[in-house]
Amino acid sequence: MKHRDAFKAAVRNVQAIQWAKTHTLQDLEDLVNEMSSLGEDVTDISQLLNDLSEIDRSLQADMSVSLEPEASEIAG
């Protein structure tokens, strides 16, 4: 029974990873909203969405900073 539970958990993890590879944060937000409206407990998924959104914002900020030319390059 213990191995069966571990196997089921591993399958769920693989399925979640595959889903995440082909969907956007907006898709996840839509899913959370839909599940919540159906009365599902979405606390864990909402926290995941918040964490992923924060990572996305951080990456976007890093990218915009790295794309800005430095003052020495402008003075060129």
N, C-alpha and C. Protein backbone atom coordinates (compact mmCIF):
# COMPACT_ATOMS: atom_id res chain seq x y z
N MET A 1 0.82 -1.19 0.00
CA MET A 1 0.00 0.00 0.00
C MET A 1 0.87 1.26 0.00
N LYS A 2 1.96 1.22 0.77
CA LYS A 2 2.84 2.37 0.85
C LYS A 2 3.46 2.68 -0.52
N HIS A 3 3.87 1.65 -1.24
CA HIS A 3 4.47 1.84 -2.56
C HIS A 3 3.44 2.35 -3.56
N ARG A 4 2.21 1.87 -3.43
CA ARG A 4 1.15 2.31 -4.33
C ARG A 4 0.87 3.81 -4.13
N ASP A 5 0.86 4.25 -2.88
CA ASP A 5 0.64 5.67 -2.59
C ASP A 5 1.79 6.53 -3.14
N ALA A 6 3.01 6.04 -3.00
CA ALA A 6 4.17 6.77 -3.52
C ALA A 6 4.11 6.83 -5.04
N PHE A 7 3.69 5.76 -5.66
CA PHE A 7 3.58 5.73 -7.12
C PHE A 7 2.51 6.72 -7.58
N LYS A 8 1.36 6.73 -6.93
CA LYS A 8 0.29 7.66 -7.29
C LYS A 8 0.75 9.11 -7.14
N ALA A 9 1.49 9.39 -6.07
CA ALA A 9 2.01 10.74 -5.86
C ALA A 9 3.00 11.12 -6.96
N ALA A 10 3.84 10.18 -7.36
CA ALA A 10 4.81 10.44 -8.42
C ALA A 10 4.10 10.71 -9.75
N VAL A 11 3.05 9.95 -10.03
CA VAL A 11 2.29 10.16 -11.26
C VAL A 11 1.64 11.54 -11.24
N ARG A 12 1.08 11.93 -10.10
CA ARG A 12 0.47 13.26 -9.99
C ARG A 12 1.51 14.36 -10.21
N ASN A 13 2.71 14.16 -9.68
CA ASN A 13 3.78 15.14 -9.87
C ASN A 13 4.15 15.27 -11.34
N VAL A 14 4.28 14.15 -12.02
CA VAL A 14 4.62 14.16 -13.45
C VAL A 14 3.51 14.86 -14.23
N GLN A 15 2.27 14.56 -13.90
CA GLN A 15 1.15 15.19 -14.59
C GLN A 15 1.14 16.70 -14.34
N ALA A 16 1.43 17.12 -13.13
CA ALA A 16 1.46 18.54 -12.81
C ALA A 16 2.59 19.24 -13.57
N ILE A 17 3.73 18.60 -13.67
CA ILE A 17 4.86 19.18 -14.40
C ILE A 17 4.52 19.30 -15.88
N GLN A 18 3.93 18.26 -16.45
CA GLN A 18 3.54 18.31 -17.86
C GLN A 18 2.52 19.42 -18.11
N TRP A 19 1.57 19.58 -17.19
CA TRP A 19 0.56 20.62 -17.33
C TRP A 19 1.25 22.00 -17.29
N ALA A 20 2.15 22.17 -16.35
CA ALA A 20 2.83 23.46 -16.19
C ALA A 20 3.68 23.81 -17.41
N LYS A 21 4.22 22.81 -18.09
CA LYS A 21 5.04 23.07 -19.27
C LYS A 21 4.24 23.61 -20.44
N THR A 22 2.93 23.37 -20.44
CA THR A 22 2.12 23.74 -21.60
C THR A 22 1.06 24.80 -21.28
N HIS A 23 1.12 25.39 -20.08
CA HIS A 23 0.13 26.38 -19.70
C HIS A 23 0.81 27.62 -19.10
N THR A 24 0.05 28.69 -19.02
CA THR A 24 0.57 29.95 -18.52
C THR A 24 0.10 30.19 -17.09
N LEU A 25 0.65 31.24 -16.47
CA LEU A 25 0.18 31.64 -15.15
C LEU A 25 -1.29 32.03 -15.19
N GLN A 26 -1.72 32.62 -16.30
CA GLN A 26 -3.13 32.98 -16.44
C GLN A 26 -4.01 31.73 -16.45
N ASP A 27 -3.53 30.67 -17.10
CA ASP A 27 -4.27 29.40 -17.08
C ASP A 27 -4.42 28.89 -15.65
N LEU A 28 -3.34 28.98 -14.88
CA LEU A 28 -3.38 28.52 -13.49
C LEU A 28 -4.33 29.39 -12.67
N GLU A 29 -4.30 30.68 -12.91
CA GLU A 29 -5.21 31.58 -12.20
C GLU A 29 -6.67 31.26 -12.55
N ASP A 30 -6.93 31.01 -13.82
CA ASP A 30 -8.28 30.63 -14.23
C ASP A 30 -8.73 29.33 -13.57
N LEU A 31 -7.81 28.37 -13.49
CA LEU A 31 -8.11 27.09 -12.85
C LEU A 31 -8.43 27.29 -11.36
N VAL A 32 -7.63 28.11 -10.70
CA VAL A 32 -7.86 28.39 -9.28
C VAL A 32 -9.22 29.03 -9.08
N ASN A 33 -9.56 30.00 -9.93
CA ASN A 33 -10.85 30.67 -9.81
C ASN A 33 -12.00 29.70 -10.05
N GLU A 34 -11.86 28.85 -11.04
CA GLU A 34 -12.91 27.87 -11.35
C GLU A 34 -13.09 26.88 -10.20
N MET A 35 -11.97 26.36 -9.70
CA MET A 35 -12.05 25.40 -8.60
C MET A 35 -12.63 26.04 -7.35
N SER A 36 -12.23 27.28 -7.08
CA SER A 36 -12.75 28.00 -5.91
C SER A 36 -14.25 28.21 -6.02
N SER A 37 -14.72 28.56 -7.21
CA SER A 37 -16.16 28.78 -7.39
C SER A 37 -16.96 27.49 -7.23
N LEU A 38 -16.29 26.36 -7.39
CA LEU A 38 -16.93 25.05 -7.19
C LEU A 38 -16.84 24.58 -5.75
N GLY A 39 -16.24 25.42 -4.89
CA GLY A 39 -16.14 25.10 -3.48
C GLY A 39 -14.91 24.31 -3.08
N GLU A 40 -13.98 24.16 -4.01
CA GLU A 40 -12.74 23.42 -3.72
C GLU A 40 -11.82 24.27 -2.85
N ASP A 41 -11.01 23.60 -2.04
CA ASP A 41 -9.98 24.28 -1.26
C ASP A 41 -8.78 24.52 -2.17
N VAL A 42 -8.51 25.76 -2.48
CA VAL A 42 -7.43 26.10 -3.42
C VAL A 42 -6.28 26.82 -2.72
N THR A 43 -6.20 26.67 -1.42
CA THR A 43 -5.17 27.37 -0.65
C THR A 43 -3.77 27.06 -1.16
N ASP A 44 -3.45 25.77 -1.33
CA ASP A 44 -2.11 25.39 -1.79
C ASP A 44 -1.83 25.88 -3.20
N ILE A 45 -2.82 25.75 -4.08
CA ILE A 45 -2.63 26.17 -5.46
C ILE A 45 -2.51 27.70 -5.53
N SER A 46 -3.28 28.40 -4.70
CA SER A 46 -3.20 29.86 -4.68
C SER A 46 -1.81 30.31 -4.23
N GLN A 47 -1.26 29.62 -3.23
CA GLN A 47 0.09 29.97 -2.77
C GLN A 47 1.12 29.70 -3.86
N LEU A 48 0.96 28.57 -4.57
CA LEU A 48 1.84 28.26 -5.69
C LEU A 48 1.73 29.35 -6.75
N LEU A 49 0.52 29.77 -7.06
CA LEU A 49 0.31 30.83 -8.05
C LEU A 49 0.99 32.11 -7.61
N ASN A 50 0.85 32.46 -6.35
CA ASN A 50 1.51 33.67 -5.83
C ASN A 50 3.03 33.56 -5.93
N ASP A 51 3.56 32.40 -5.58
CA ASP A 51 5.01 32.20 -5.65
C ASP A 51 5.51 32.28 -7.10
N LEU A 52 4.80 31.62 -8.01
CA LEU A 52 5.20 31.66 -9.41
C LEU A 52 5.08 33.06 -10.00
N SER A 53 4.05 33.79 -9.60
CA SER A 53 3.88 35.17 -10.07
C SER A 53 5.02 36.05 -9.58
N GLU A 54 5.43 35.84 -8.33
CA GLU A 54 6.54 36.61 -7.77
C GLU A 54 7.84 36.29 -8.52
N ILE A 55 8.07 35.03 -8.81
CA ILE A 55 9.26 34.63 -9.59
C ILE A 55 9.22 35.29 -10.96
N ASP A 56 8.05 35.27 -11.60
CA ASP A 56 7.90 35.88 -12.92
C ASP A 56 8.20 37.38 -12.87
N ARG A 57 7.65 38.06 -11.86
CA ARG A 57 7.92 39.51 -11.73
C ARG A 57 9.41 39.77 -11.51
N SER A 58 10.04 38.94 -10.70
CA SER A 58 11.46 39.09 -10.43
C SER A 58 12.28 38.88 -11.70
N LEU A 59 11.93 37.86 -12.48
CA LEU A 59 12.65 37.60 -13.73
C LEU A 59 12.45 38.73 -14.72
N GLN A 60 11.23 39.26 -14.79
CA GLN A 60 10.95 40.37 -15.70
C GLN A 60 11.76 41.60 -15.30
N ALA A 61 11.86 41.87 -14.01
CA ALA A 61 12.64 43.00 -13.52
C ALA A 61 14.12 42.82 -13.85
N ASP A 62 14.62 41.61 -13.63
CA ASP A 62 16.03 41.31 -13.95
C ASP A 62 16.30 41.48 -15.44
N MET A 63 15.37 41.04 -16.26
CA MET A 63 15.56 41.15 -17.71
C MET A 63 15.55 42.60 -18.15
N SER A 64 14.67 43.41 -17.59
CA SER A 64 14.60 44.81 -18.01
C SER A 64 15.84 45.56 -17.57
N VAL A 65 16.37 45.23 -16.41
CA VAL A 65 17.61 45.87 -15.94
C VAL A 65 18.78 45.46 -16.82
N SER A 66 18.85 44.19 -17.19
CA SER A 66 19.98 43.74 -17.99
C SER A 66 19.89 44.24 -19.43
N LEU A 67 18.71 44.60 -19.88
CA LEU A 67 18.57 45.10 -21.24
C LEU A 67 18.84 46.60 -21.35
N GLU A 68 18.81 47.30 -20.23
CA GLU A 68 19.07 48.73 -20.26
C GLU A 68 20.56 48.96 -20.50
N PRO A 69 20.89 49.86 -21.44
CA PRO A 69 22.30 50.13 -21.69
C PRO A 69 22.90 50.88 -20.50
N GLU A 70 24.15 50.56 -20.20
CA GLU A 70 24.82 51.24 -19.12
C GLU A 70 25.23 52.63 -19.57
N ALA A 71 25.44 53.54 -18.61
CA ALA A 71 25.77 54.92 -18.92
C ALA A 71 27.05 55.00 -19.77
N SER A 72 28.02 54.13 -19.50
CA SER A 72 29.27 54.16 -20.28
C SER A 72 29.03 53.76 -21.72
N GLU A 73 28.06 52.89 -21.97
CA GLU A 73 27.75 52.48 -23.34
C GLU A 73 27.06 53.60 -24.09
N ILE A 74 26.24 54.38 -23.39
CA ILE A 74 25.51 55.48 -24.01
C ILE A 74 26.47 56.62 -24.37
N ALA A 75 27.40 56.90 -23.45
CA ALA A 75 28.34 58.01 -23.67
C ALA A 75 29.28 57.71 -24.83
N GLY A 76 29.54 56.41 -25.05
CA GLY A 76 30.37 55.87 -26.10
C GLY A 76 31.05 56.75 -26.96
